PDB file of N, CA and C in Angstrom:
ATOM      1  N   MET A   1      55.672 -34.625  -9.498  1.00  0.00           N
ATOM      2  CA  MET A   1      54.970 -33.454  -9.753  1.00  0.00           C
ATOM      3  C   MET A   1      56.062 -32.447  -9.870  1.00  0.00           C
ATOM      4  N   ARG A   2      55.674 -31.522 -10.709  1.00  0.00           N
ATOM      5  CA  ARG A   2      56.760 -30.642 -11.616  1.00  0.00           C
ATOM      6  C   ARG A   2      56.393 -29.404 -10.940  1.00  0.00           C
ATOM      7  N   GLN A   3      57.159 -28.963  -9.759  1.00  0.00           N
ATOM      8  CA  GLN A   3      56.607 -27.859  -8.900  1.00  0.00           C
ATOM      9  C   GLN A   3      58.158 -27.143  -9.253  1.00  0.00           C
ATOM     10  N   LYS A   4      58.953 -27.572  -9.670  1.00  0.00           N
ATOM     11  CA  LYS A   4      60.454 -26.787  -9.432  1.00  0.00           C
ATOM     12  C   LYS A   4      60.298 -25.086  -9.971  1.00  0.00           C
ATOM     13  N   PRO A   5      60.005 -24.961 -11.196  1.00  0.00           N
ATOM     14  CA  PRO A   5      59.859 -23.527 -11.595  1.00  0.00           C
ATOM     15  C   PRO A   5      59.099 -22.809 -11.099  1.00  0.00           C
ATOM     16  N   LEU A   6      57.767 -23.142 -10.992  1.00  0.00           N
ATOM     17  CA  LEU A   6      56.624 -22.456  -9.925  1.00  0.00           C
ATOM     18  C   LEU A   6      57.247 -22.066  -8.432  1.00  0.00           C
ATOM     19  N   LEU A   7      57.926 -23.192  -7.878  1.00  0.00           N
ATOM     20  CA  LEU A   7      58.444 -22.855  -6.831  1.00  0.00           C
ATOM     21  C   LEU A   7      59.745 -21.966  -6.717  1.00  0.00           C
ATOM     22  N   LEU A   8      60.239 -21.899  -7.659  1.00  0.00           N
ATOM     23  CA  LEU A   8      61.526 -20.857  -7.824  1.00  0.00           C
ATOM     24  C   LEU A   8      60.882 -19.499  -8.024  1.00  0.00           C
ATOM     25  N   LEU A   9      59.931 -19.286  -8.605  1.00  0.00           N
ATOM     26  CA  LEU A   9      59.146 -18.249  -8.839  1.00  0.00           C
ATOM     27  C   LEU A   9      58.300 -17.969  -7.909  1.00  0.00           C
ATOM     28  N   LEU A  10      57.908 -18.474  -7.065  1.00  0.00           N
ATOM     29  CA  LEU A  10      57.267 -18.344  -5.577  1.00  0.00           C
ATOM     30  C   LEU A  10      58.180 -17.608  -4.850  1.00  0.00           C
ATOM     31  N   LEU A  11      59.730 -18.354  -4.525  1.00  0.00           N
ATOM     32  CA  LEU A  11      60.514 -17.701  -3.759  1.00  0.00           C
ATOM     33  C   LEU A  11      61.033 -16.722  -4.175  1.00  0.00           C
ATOM     34  N   SER A  12      61.388 -16.495  -5.469  1.00  0.00           N
ATOM     35  CA  SER A  12      61.912 -15.167  -5.927  1.00  0.00           C
ATOM     36  C   SER A  12      61.012 -13.951  -5.736  1.00  0.00           C
ATOM     37  N   THR A  13      59.856 -14.201  -6.047  1.00  0.00           N
ATOM     38  CA  THR A  13      58.696 -13.017  -5.444  1.00  0.00           C
ATOM     39  C   THR A  13      58.609 -12.887  -3.994  1.00  0.00           C
ATOM     40  N   PHE A  14      58.931 -13.873  -3.148  1.00  0.00           N
ATOM     41  CA  PHE A  14      58.890 -14.020  -1.906  1.00  0.00           C
ATOM     42  C   PHE A  14      60.120 -12.731  -1.253  1.00  0.00           C
ATOM     43  N   ILE A  15      61.166 -13.004  -2.122  1.00  0.00           N
ATOM     44  CA  ILE A  15      62.630 -12.525  -1.715  1.00  0.00           C
ATOM     45  C   ILE A  15      62.364 -10.865  -2.103  1.00  0.00           C
ATOM     46  N   VAL A  16      61.690 -10.557  -3.104  1.00  0.00           N
ATOM     47  CA  VAL A  16      61.257  -9.131  -3.884  1.00  0.00           C
ATOM     48  C   VAL A  16      60.164  -8.313  -2.723  1.00  0.00           C
ATOM     49  N   GLU A  17      59.436  -9.458  -2.293  1.00  0.00           N
ATOM     50  CA  GLU A  17      58.276  -8.887  -1.582  1.00  0.00           C
ATOM     51  C   GLU A  17      58.736  -8.444  -0.035  1.00  0.00           C
ATOM     52  N   ALA A  18      59.756  -9.363   0.527  1.00  0.00           N
ATOM     53  CA  ALA A  18      60.148  -9.021   1.526  1.00  0.00           C
ATOM     54  C   ALA A  18      61.301  -7.686   1.798  1.00  0.00           C
ATOM     55  N   GLY A  19      61.779  -7.537   0.361  1.00  0.00           N
ATOM     56  CA  GLY A  19      62.664  -6.355   0.118  1.00  0.00           C
ATOM     57  C   GLY A  19      61.808  -5.185   0.192  1.00  0.00           C
ATOM     58  N   PHE A  20      60.770  -5.342  -0.619  1.00  0.00           N
ATOM     59  CA  PHE A  20      59.753  -4.183  -0.707  1.00  0.00           C
ATOM     60  C   PHE A  20      59.188  -3.584   0.958  1.00  0.00           C
ATOM     61  N   LEU A  21      58.983  -4.740   1.758  1.00  0.00           N
ATOM     62  CA  LEU A  21      58.429  -4.483   3.104  1.00  0.00           C
ATOM     63  C   LEU A  21      59.664  -4.101   4.006  1.00  0.00           C
ATOM     64  N   PHE A  22      61.005  -4.054   3.794  1.00  0.00           N
ATOM     65  CA  PHE A  22      61.774  -3.315   4.477  1.00  0.00           C
ATOM     66  C   PHE A  22      62.036  -2.144   3.888  1.00  0.00           C
ATOM     67  N   LEU A  23      62.097  -2.006   2.445  1.00  0.00           N
ATOM     68  CA  LEU A  23      62.322  -0.668   2.078  1.00  0.00           C
ATOM     69  C   LEU A  23      61.406   0.302   2.314  1.00  0.00           C
ATOM     70  N   GLU A  24      59.980  -0.237   2.411  1.00  0.00           N
ATOM     71  CA  GLU A  24      58.924   0.855   2.779  1.00  0.00           C
ATOM     72  C   GLU A  24      58.869   1.064   4.160  1.00  0.00           C
ATOM     73  N   ASN A  25      59.600   0.337   5.115  1.00  0.00           N
ATOM     74  CA  ASN A  25      59.892   0.629   6.644  1.00  0.00           C
ATOM     75  C   ASN A  25      61.155   1.051   6.665  1.00  0.00           C
ATOM     76  N   SER A  26      61.321   1.705   7.967  1.00  0.00           N
ATOM     77  CA  SER A  26      62.555   2.134   8.144  1.00  0.00           C
ATOM     78  C   SER A  26      63.456   0.800   8.455  1.00  0.00           C
ATOM     79  N   PRO A  27      64.922   0.724   8.799  1.00  0.00           N
ATOM     80  CA  PRO A  27      65.545  -0.168   9.095  1.00  0.00           C
ATOM     81  C   PRO A  27      65.199  -0.970  10.466  1.00  0.00           C
ATOM     82  N   SER A  28      64.785  -0.152  11.225  1.00  0.00           N
ATOM     83  CA  SER A  28      64.524  -0.629  12.704  1.00  0.00           C
ATOM     84  C   SER A  28      63.389  -1.471  12.628  1.00  0.00           C
ATOM     85  N   PHE A  29      63.461  -2.333  13.649  1.00  0.00           N
ATOM     86  CA  PHE A  29      62.633  -3.428  13.493  1.00  0.00           C
ATOM     87  C   PHE A  29      61.451  -3.311  14.621  1.00  0.00           C
ATOM     88  N   THR A  30      60.398  -2.570  14.656  1.00  0.00           N
ATOM     89  CA  THR A  30      59.346  -2.408  15.636  1.00  0.00           C
ATOM     90  C   THR A  30      58.418  -3.641  15.516  1.00  0.00           C
ATOM     91  N   SER A  31      57.397  -3.540  16.228  1.00  0.00           N
ATOM     92  CA  SER A  31      56.272  -4.396  16.539  1.00  0.00           C
ATOM     93  C   SER A  31      55.407  -4.304  15.227  1.00  0.00           C
ATOM     94  N   GLY A  32      55.244  -3.135  14.807  1.00  0.00           N
ATOM     95  CA  GLY A  32      54.389  -2.936  13.455  1.00  0.00           C
ATOM     96  C   GLY A  32      55.084  -3.632  12.240  1.00  0.00           C
ATOM     97  N   VAL A  33      56.412  -3.345  12.201  1.00  0.00           N
ATOM     98  CA  VAL A  33      57.151  -4.092  11.086  1.00  0.00           C
ATOM     99  C   VAL A  33      57.408  -5.760  11.408  1.00  0.00           C
ATOM    100  N   ALA A  34      57.132  -6.144  12.889  1.00  0.00           N
ATOM    101  CA  ALA A  34      57.286  -7.842  13.109  1.00  0.00           C
ATOM    102  C   ALA A  34      55.729  -8.102  12.653  1.00  0.00           C
ATOM    103  N   TRP A  35      54.941  -7.633  12.745  1.00  0.00           N
ATOM    104  CA  TRP A  35      53.520  -7.641  12.432  1.00  0.00           C
ATOM    105  C   TRP A  35      53.419  -8.185  10.956  1.00  0.00           C
ATOM    106  N   LYS A  36      54.117  -7.110  10.047  1.00  0.00           N
ATOM    107  CA  LYS A  36      53.604  -7.228   8.827  1.00  0.00           C
ATOM    108  C   LYS A  36      54.928  -8.281   8.157  1.00  0.00           C
ATOM    109  N   VAL A  37      55.772  -8.565   8.542  1.00  0.00           N
ATOM    110  CA  VAL A  37      56.556  -9.309   8.173  1.00  0.00           C
ATOM    111  C   VAL A  37      56.259 -10.968   8.436  1.00  0.00           C
ATOM    112  N   GLY A  38      55.070 -10.974   9.498  1.00  0.00           N
ATOM    113  CA  GLY A  38      54.922 -12.179   9.814  1.00  0.00           C
ATOM    114  C   GLY A  38      53.744 -12.676   9.169  1.00  0.00           C
ATOM    115  N   PHE A  39      52.875 -11.556   9.032  1.00  0.00           N
ATOM    116  CA  PHE A  39      51.668 -11.938   8.306  1.00  0.00           C
ATOM    117  C   PHE A  39      51.840 -11.943   6.506  1.00  0.00           C
ATOM    118  N   PHE A  40      52.908 -10.786   5.985  1.00  0.00           N
ATOM    119  CA  PHE A  40      52.861 -10.860   4.974  1.00  0.00           C
ATOM    120  C   PHE A  40      53.905 -11.718   4.290  1.00  0.00           C
ATOM    121  N   ALA A  41      54.932 -12.313   5.026  1.00  0.00           N
ATOM    122  CA  ALA A  41      56.129 -13.050   4.355  1.00  0.00           C
ATOM    123  C   ALA A  41      56.313 -14.584   5.137  1.00  0.00           C
ATOM    124  N   LEU A  42      56.101 -14.691   6.808  1.00  0.00           N
ATOM    125  CA  LEU A  42      56.406 -16.012   7.175  1.00  0.00           C
ATOM    126  C   LEU A  42      55.169 -17.031   6.874  1.00  0.00           C
ATOM    127  N   ILE A  43      53.917 -16.238   7.074  1.00  0.00           N
ATOM    128  CA  ILE A  43      52.710 -17.215   6.805  1.00  0.00           C
ATOM    129  C   ILE A  43      52.658 -17.822   5.579  1.00  0.00           C
ATOM    130  N   PRO A  44      52.982 -16.797   4.260  1.00  0.00           N
ATOM    131  CA  PRO A  44      52.896 -17.500   3.102  1.00  0.00           C
ATOM    132  C   PRO A  44      53.962 -18.368   3.138  1.00  0.00           C
ATOM    133  N   LEU A  45      55.103 -18.454   3.497  1.00  0.00           N
ATOM    134  CA  LEU A  45      56.512 -18.862   3.494  1.00  0.00           C
ATOM    135  C   LEU A  45      56.234 -20.356   3.850  1.00  0.00           C
ATOM    136  N   GLY A  46      55.388 -20.538   5.115  1.00  0.00           N
ATOM    137  CA  GLY A  46      54.789 -21.394   6.021  1.00  0.00           C
ATOM    138  C   GLY A  46      53.757 -21.981   5.121  1.00  0.00           C
ATOM    139  N   LEU A  47      52.998 -21.776   4.545  1.00  0.00           N
ATOM    140  CA  LEU A  47      52.063 -22.281   3.799  1.00  0.00           C
ATOM    141  C   LEU A  47      52.538 -23.097   2.484  1.00  0.00           C
ATOM    142  N   SER A  48      53.495 -22.322   1.869  1.00  0.00           N
ATOM    143  CA  SER A  48      54.269 -23.100   0.838  1.00  0.00           C
ATOM    144  C   SER A  48      54.824 -24.077   1.051  1.00  0.00           C
ATOM    145  N   LEU A  49      55.498 -24.146   2.541  1.00  0.00           N
ATOM    146  CA  LEU A  49      56.141 -25.376   2.852  1.00  0.00           C
ATOM    147  C   LEU A  49      55.276 -26.620   3.133  1.00  0.00           C
ATOM    148  N   LEU A  50      54.196 -26.267   3.633  1.00  0.00           N
ATOM    149  CA  LEU A  50      52.727 -27.229   3.897  1.00  0.00           C
ATOM    150  C   LEU A  50      52.566 -28.263   2.164  1.00  0.00           C
ATOM    151  N   VAL A  51      52.316 -27.060   1.441  1.00  0.00           N
ATOM    152  CA  VAL A  51      52.298 -27.534  -0.021  1.00  0.00           C
ATOM    153  C   VAL A  51      53.283 -28.375  -0.199  1.00  0.00           C
ATOM    154  N   TRP A  52      54.708 -27.795  -0.270  1.00  0.00           N
ATOM    155  CA  TRP A  52      55.661 -28.532  -0.566  1.00  0.00           C
ATOM    156  C   TRP A  52      55.770 -29.987  -0.072  1.00  0.00           C
ATOM    157  N   LEU A  53      55.260 -30.233   1.079  1.00  0.00           N
ATOM    158  CA  LEU A  53      55.200 -31.279   1.857  1.00  0.00           C
ATOM    159  C   LEU A  53      54.229 -32.133   1.439  1.00  0.00           C
ATOM    160  N   GLN A  54      53.458 -31.610   0.448  1.00  0.00           N
ATOM    161  CA  GLN A  54      52.136 -32.533   0.063  1.00  0.00           C
ATOM    162  C   GLN A  54      51.056 -33.013   0.858  1.00  0.00           C
ATOM    163  N   LEU A  55      50.788 -31.883   1.862  1.00  0.00           N
ATOM    164  CA  LEU A  55      49.709 -32.174   2.764  1.00  0.00           C
ATOM    165  C   LEU A  55      48.351 -31.739   1.978  1.00  0.00           C
ATOM    166  N   ARG A  56      47.268 -32.289   1.964  1.00  0.00           N
ATOM    167  CA  ARG A  56      46.129 -31.643   1.131  1.00  0.00           C
ATOM    168  C   ARG A  56      45.625 -30.502   1.740  1.00  0.00           C
ATOM    169  N   TRP A  57      45.154 -30.407   3.127  1.00  0.00           N
ATOM    170  CA  TRP A  57      44.859 -29.293   3.734  1.00  0.00           C
ATOM    171  C   TRP A  57      45.641 -28.221   3.982  1.00  0.00           C
ATOM    172  N   GLY A  58      46.737 -28.262   3.640  1.00  0.00           N
ATOM    173  CA  GLY A  58      47.770 -27.070   3.453  1.00  0.00           C
ATOM    174  C   GLY A  58      47.633 -26.599   2.264  1.00  0.00           C
ATOM    175  N   ALA A  59      47.582 -27.337   1.313  1.00  0.00           N
ATOM    176  CA  ALA A  59      47.132 -26.869  -0.362  1.00  0.00           C
ATOM    177  C   ALA A  59      45.799 -25.945  -0.158  1.00  0.00           C
ATOM    178  N   ALA A  60      45.133 -26.440   0.207  1.00  0.00           N
ATOM    179  CA  ALA A  60      43.615 -25.619   0.554  1.00  0.00           C
ATOM    180  C   ALA A  60      43.834 -24.394   1.031  1.00  0.00           C
ATOM    181  N   VAL A  61      44.415 -24.477   2.415  1.00  0.00           N
ATOM    182  CA  VAL A  61      44.793 -23.318   3.095  1.00  0.00           C
ATOM    183  C   VAL A  61      45.245 -22.174   2.541  1.00  0.00           C
ATOM    184  N   CYS A  62      46.303 -22.809   1.839  1.00  0.00           N
ATOM    185  CA  CYS A  62      47.620 -22.112   0.926  1.00  0.00           C
ATOM    186  C   CYS A  62      46.446 -21.039  -0.190  1.00  0.00           C
ATOM    187  N   VAL A  63      45.687 -21.641  -0.765  1.00  0.00           N
ATOM    188  CA  VAL A  63      45.074 -21.198  -1.923  1.00  0.00           C
ATOM    189  C   VAL A  63      43.881 -20.212  -1.291  1.00  0.00           C
ATOM    190  N   PHE A  64      43.141 -20.357  -0.111  1.00  0.00           N
ATOM    191  CA  PHE A  64      42.369 -19.498   0.479  1.00  0.00           C
ATOM    192  C   PHE A  64      43.094 -18.392   0.828  1.00  0.00           C
ATOM    193  N   TYR A  65      44.241 -18.416   1.364  1.00  0.00           N
ATOM    194  CA  TYR A  65      44.962 -16.970   2.162  1.00  0.00           C
ATOM    195  C   TYR A  65      45.451 -16.376   1.048  1.00  0.00           C
ATOM    196  N   ALA A  66      45.943 -17.008   0.123  1.00  0.00           N
ATOM    197  CA  ALA A  66      46.506 -16.287  -1.009  1.00  0.00           C
ATOM    198  C   ALA A  66      45.587 -15.538  -1.978  1.00  0.00           C
ATOM    199  N   THR A  67      44.343 -16.095  -2.015  1.00  0.00           N
ATOM    200  CA  THR A  67      43.046 -15.551  -2.771  1.00  0.00           C
ATOM    201  C   THR A  67      42.758 -14.110  -2.238  1.00  0.00           C
ATOM    202  N   ILE A  68      42.681 -14.351  -0.774  1.00  0.00           N
ATOM    203  CA  ILE A  68      42.307 -13.093   0.011  1.00  0.00           C
ATOM    204  C   ILE A  68      43.261 -11.956  -0.053  1.00  0.00           C
ATOM    205  N   GLY A  69      44.636 -12.710   0.099  1.00  0.00           N
ATOM    206  CA  GLY A  69      45.763 -11.672  -0.514  1.00  0.00           C
ATOM    207  C   GLY A  69      45.844 -10.995  -1.392  1.00  0.00           C
ATOM    208  N   LEU A  70      45.411 -11.622  -2.478  1.00  0.00           N
ATOM    209  CA  LEU A  70      45.407 -10.998  -4.191  1.00  0.00           C
ATOM    210  C   LEU A  70      44.300 -10.229  -4.104  1.00  0.00           C
ATOM    211  N   ALA A  71      43.314 -10.249  -3.423  1.00  0.00           N
ATOM    212  CA  ALA A  71      42.223  -9.415  -3.381  1.00  0.00           C
ATOM    213  C   ALA A  71      42.353  -8.205  -2.797  1.00  0.00           C
ATOM    214  N   ILE A  72      43.056  -7.976  -1.854  1.00  0.00           N
ATOM    215  CA  ILE A  72      43.711  -7.128  -1.099  1.00  0.00           C
ATOM    216  C   ILE A  72      44.672  -6.410  -1.608  1.00  0.00           C
ATOM    217  N   ASP A  73      45.554  -6.844  -2.406  1.00  0.00           N
ATOM    218  CA  ASP A  73      46.543  -6.015  -3.048  1.00  0.00           C
ATOM    219  C   ASP A  73      45.945  -5.633  -4.270  1.00  0.00           C
ATOM    220  N   ILE A  74      44.640  -6.128  -5.014  1.00  0.00           N
ATOM    221  CA  ILE A  74      44.259  -5.509  -5.894  1.00  0.00           C
ATOM    222  C   ILE A  74      43.469  -4.124  -5.595  1.00  0.00           C
ATOM    223  N   ALA A  75      43.004  -4.586  -4.553  1.00  0.00           N
ATOM    224  CA  ALA A  75      42.247  -3.198  -4.027  1.00  0.00           C
ATOM    225  C   ALA A  75      43.237  -1.953  -3.794  1.00  0.00           C
ATOM    226  N   THR A  76      44.128  -2.321  -2.919  1.00  0.00           N
ATOM    227  CA  THR A  76      45.232  -1.720  -2.480  1.00  0.00           C
ATOM    228  C   THR A  76      45.780  -1.087  -3.595  1.00  0.00           C
ATOM    229  N   MET A  77      46.256  -1.651  -4.873  1.00  0.00           N
ATOM    230  CA  MET A  77      46.738  -0.950  -6.081  1.00  0.00           C
ATOM    231  C   MET A  77      45.678  -0.160  -6.783  1.00  0.00           C
ATOM    232  N   VAL A  78      44.469  -0.451  -6.685  1.00  0.00           N
ATOM    233  CA  VAL A  78      43.416   0.490  -7.340  1.00  0.00           C
ATOM    234  C   VAL A  78      43.236   1.821  -6.716  1.00  0.00           C
ATOM    235  N   GLN A  79      43.312   1.667  -5.279  1.00  0.00           N
ATOM    236  CA  GLN A  79      43.258   2.933  -4.404  1.00  0.00           C
ATOM    237  C   GLN A  79      44.663   3.698  -4.549  1.00  0.00           C
ATOM    238  N   THR A  80      45.646   2.885  -4.642  1.00  0.00           N
ATOM    239  CA  THR A  80      46.954   3.782  -4.926  1.00  0.00           C
ATOM    240  C   THR A  80      46.900   4.552  -6.237  1.00  0.00           C
ATOM    241  N   LEU A  81      46.572   4.028  -7.014  1.00  0.00           N
ATOM    242  CA  LEU A  81      46.640   4.636  -8.133  1.00  0.00           C
ATOM    243  C   LEU A  81      45.679   5.435  -8.860  1.00  0.00           C
ATOM    244  N   SER A  82      44.375   5.550  -7.950  1.00  0.00           N
ATOM    245  CA  SER A  82      43.180   6.622  -8.124  1.00  0.00           C
ATOM    246  C   SER A  82      43.507   7.833  -7.504  1.00  0.00           C
ATOM    247  N   THR A  83      44.172   7.625  -6.062  1.00  0.00           N
ATOM    248  CA  THR A  83      44.221   8.744  -5.317  1.00  0.00           C
ATOM    249  C   THR A  83      45.700   9.474  -5.445  1.00  0.00           C
ATOM    250  N   ASP A  84      46.980   8.699  -5.895  1.00  0.00           N
ATOM    251  CA  ASP A  84      47.947   9.578  -6.382  1.00  0.00           C
ATOM    252  C   ASP A  84      48.590   8.890  -7.291  1.00  0.00           C
ATOM    253  N   ALA A  85      48.763   9.446  -8.468  1.00  0.00           N
ATOM    254  CA  ALA A  85      49.189   8.649  -9.918  1.00  0.00           C
ATOM    255  C   ALA A  85      50.809   8.812  -9.756  1.00  0.00           C
ATOM    256  N   ALA A  86      51.278   9.462  -8.988  1.00  0.00           N
ATOM    257  CA  ALA A  86      52.875   9.384  -8.537  1.00  0.00           C
ATOM    258  C   ALA A  86      53.341   8.424  -8.144  1.00  0.00           C
ATOM    259  N   ALA A  87      52.736   7.797  -7.250  1.00  0.00           N
ATOM    260  CA  ALA A  87      53.237   7.020  -6.183  1.00  0.00           C
ATOM    261  C   ALA A  87      53.739   5.908  -7.212  1.00  0.00           C
ATOM    262  N   VAL A  88      54.698   5.326  -7.616  1.00  0.00           N
ATOM    263  CA  VAL A  88      55.378   4.419  -8.006  1.00  0.00           C
ATOM    264  C   VAL A  88      55.602   2.980  -7.486  1.00  0.00           C
ATOM    265  N   ALA A  89      56.302   3.348  -5.976  1.00  0.00           N
ATOM    266  CA  ALA A  89      56.809   2.156  -5.323  1.00  0.00           C
ATOM    267  C   ALA A  89      55.757   1.539  -4.663  1.00  0.00           C
ATOM    268  N   PRO A  90      54.708   2.221  -3.909  1.00  0.00           N
ATOM    269  CA  PRO A  90      53.395   1.637  -3.704  1.00  0.00           C
ATOM    270  C   PRO A  90      52.795   0.923  -4.711  1.00  0.00           C
ATOM    271  N   ALA A  91      52.736   1.306  -5.936  1.00  0.00           N
ATOM    272  CA  ALA A  91      51.945   0.502  -7.001  1.00  0.00           C
ATOM    273  C   ALA A  91      52.845  -0.813  -7.299  1.00  0.00           C
ATOM    274  N   MET A  92      54.219  -0.501  -7.286  1.00  0.00           N
ATOM    275  CA  MET A  92      55.091  -1.610  -7.509  1.00  0.00           C
ATOM    276  C   MET A  92      55.087  -2.831  -6.586  1.00  0.00           C
ATOM    277  N   ALA A  93      54.974  -2.547  -5.155  1.00  0.00           N
ATOM    278  CA  ALA A  93      54.936  -3.098  -4.166  1.00  0.00           C
ATOM    279  C   ALA A  93      53.510  -4.154  -4.370  1.00  0.00           C
ATOM    280  N   SER A  94      52.563  -3.329  -4.659  1.00  0.00           N
ATOM    281  CA  SER A  94      51.166  -4.151  -4.773  1.00  0.00           C
ATOM    282  C   SER A  94      51.321  -5.054  -5.778  1.00  0.00           C
ATOM    283  N   ILE A  95      52.078  -4.745  -7.041  1.00  0.00           N
ATOM    284  CA  ILE A  95      52.039  -5.634  -8.315  1.00  0.00           C
ATOM    285  C   ILE A  95      53.078  -6.923  -7.899  1.00  0.00           C
ATOM    286  N   VAL A  96      53.900  -6.706  -7.171  1.00  0.00           N
ATOM    287  CA  VAL A  96      54.855  -7.745  -6.771  1.00  0.00           C
ATOM    288  C   VAL A  96      54.246  -8.375  -5.759  1.00  0.00           C
ATOM    289  N   SER A  97      53.566  -7.989  -4.960  1.00  0.00           N
ATOM    290  CA  SER A  97      52.976  -9.019  -4.026  1.00  0.00           C
ATOM    291  C   SER A  97      51.653  -9.711  -4.329  1.00  0.00           C
ATOM    292  N   GLY A  98      51.100  -9.030  -5.573  1.00  0.00           N
ATOM    293  CA  GLY A  98      49.729  -9.531  -6.240  1.00  0.00           C
ATOM    294  C   GLY A  98      50.516 -10.963  -7.053  1.00  0.00           C
ATOM    295  N   LEU A  99      51.865 -10.502  -7.905  1.00  0.00           N
ATOM    296  CA  LEU A  99      52.124 -11.955  -8.387  1.00  0.00           C
ATOM    297  C   LEU A  99      52.794 -12.848  -7.346  1.00  0.00           C
ATOM    298  N   PHE A 100      53.096 -12.348  -6.154  1.00  0.00           N
ATOM    299  CA  PHE A 100      53.304 -13.693  -5.292  1.00  0.00           C
ATOM    300  C   PHE A 100      52.185 -14.174  -4.715  1.00  0.00           C
ATOM    301  N   TYR A 101      51.200 -13.748  -4.758  1.00  0.00           N
ATOM    302  CA  TYR A 101      49.818 -14.450  -4.043  1.00  0.00           C
ATOM    303  C   TYR A 101      49.513 -15.280  -5.299  1.00  0.00           C
ATOM    304  N   PHE A 102      49.504 -14.634  -6.566  1.00  0.00           N
ATOM    305  CA  PHE A 102      48.978 -15.429  -7.680  1.00  0.00           C
ATOM    306  C   PHE A 102      49.786 -16.869  -7.846  1.00  0.00           C
ATOM    307  N   CYS A 103      50.943 -16.484  -7.625  1.00  0.00           N
ATOM    308  CA  CYS A 103      52.297 -18.132  -7.685  1.00  0.00           C
ATOM    309  C   CYS A 103      51.632 -18.575  -6.552  1.00  0.00           C
ATOM    310  N   LEU A 104      51.374 -18.436  -5.262  1.00  0.00           N
ATOM    311  CA  LEU A 104      51.070 -19.254  -4.211  1.00  0.00           C
ATOM    312  C   LEU A 104      49.935 -19.832  -4.359  1.00  0.00           C
ATOM    313  N   ILE A 105      48.652 -19.293  -5.280  1.00  0.00           N
ATOM    314  CA  ILE A 105      47.642 -19.934  -5.434  1.00  0.00           C
ATOM    315  C   ILE A 105      47.539 -20.871  -6.803  1.00  0.00           C
ATOM    316  N   LEU A 106      48.505 -20.521  -7.472  1.00  0.00           N
ATOM    317  CA  LEU A 106      48.926 -21.704  -8.584  1.00  0.00           C
ATOM    318  C   LEU A 106      49.457 -22.796  -7.880  1.00  0.00           C
ATOM    319  N   PHE A 107      50.797 -22.441  -7.177  1.00  0.00           N
ATOM    320  CA  PHE A 107      51.296 -23.727  -6.429  1.00  0.00           C
ATOM    321  C   PHE A 107      50.644 -24.540  -5.622  1.00  0.00           C
ATOM    322  N   GLY A 108      49.737 -24.246  -4.621  1.00  0.00           N
ATOM    323  CA  GLY A 108      48.777 -24.488  -3.912  1.00  0.00           C
ATOM    324  C   GLY A 108      47.636 -25.196  -4.693  1.00  0.00           C
ATOM    325  N   TRP A 109      47.074 -24.821  -6.045  1.00  0.00           N
ATOM    326  CA  TRP A 109      46.265 -25.399  -6.472  1.00  0.00           C
ATOM    327  C   TRP A 109      46.631 -26.588  -7.356  1.00  0.00           C
ATOM    328  N   GLN A 110      47.866 -26.348  -7.881  1.00  0.00           N
ATOM    329  CA  GLN A 110      48.617 -27.472  -8.555  1.00  0.00           C
ATOM    330  C   GLN A 110      48.847 -28.733  -7.551  1.00  0.00           C
ATOM    331  N   SER A 111      49.225 -28.321  -6.399  1.00  0.00           N
ATOM    332  CA  SER A 111      49.479 -29.485  -5.626  1.00  0.00           C
ATOM    333  C   SER A 111      48.311 -29.990  -4.924  1.00  0.00           C
ATOM    334  N   PHE A 112      47.050 -29.230  -4.478  1.00  0.00           N
ATOM    335  CA  PHE A 112      45.782 -29.985  -4.382  1.00  0.00           C
ATOM    336  C   PHE A 112      45.193 -30.995  -5.288  1.00  0.00           C
ATOM    337  N   LEU A 113      45.429 -30.515  -6.400  1.00  0.00           N
ATOM    338  CA  LEU A 113      44.899 -31.365  -7.582  1.00  0.00           C
ATOM    339  C   LEU A 113      45.710 -32.733  -7.772  1.00  0.00           C
ATOM    340  N   SER A 114      47.258 -32.651  -7.543  1.00  0.00           N
ATOM    341  CA  SER A 114      47.800 -33.924  -7.492  1.00  0.00           C
ATOM    342  C   SER A 114      48.255 -34.658  -6.455  1.00  0.00           C
ATOM    343  N   VAL A 115      47.813 -34.468  -5.046  1.00  0.00           N
ATOM    344  CA  VAL A 115      47.909 -35.095  -3.769  1.00  0.00           C
ATOM    345  C   VAL A 115      46.935 -36.456  -4.163  1.00  0.00           C
ATOM    346  N   ASP A 116      47.206 -37.457  -3.743  1.00  0.00           N
ATOM    347  CA  ASP A 116      46.336 -38.545  -3.825  1.00  0.00           C
ATOM    348  C   ASP A 116      45.295 -38.519  -2.665  1.00  0.00           C
TER     349      ASP A 116
END
């Protein structure tokens, strides 16, 4: 299965997404930041690991999770652009996060179709 380019794109968008998450919040690590890091970074990373291990149910869960995340990012981007047109950083964070979830959907879907 040829997943290396998609996996590299997924990992690079994960790094950028984690960077935006830490830039958006202060350097201090509070419980709110821990929840965001766990939900927006560690769960997708764990799901992509399950997909990489070629577990069929992991691929299905990955696609479902990423589809919901992509829908939330699109809604956030539309809301951000409609309320404050000068807010570039939150819009860029939503675009990168949407790209991350889109890559996660492609990665999971490709794995779901190729697992015997």
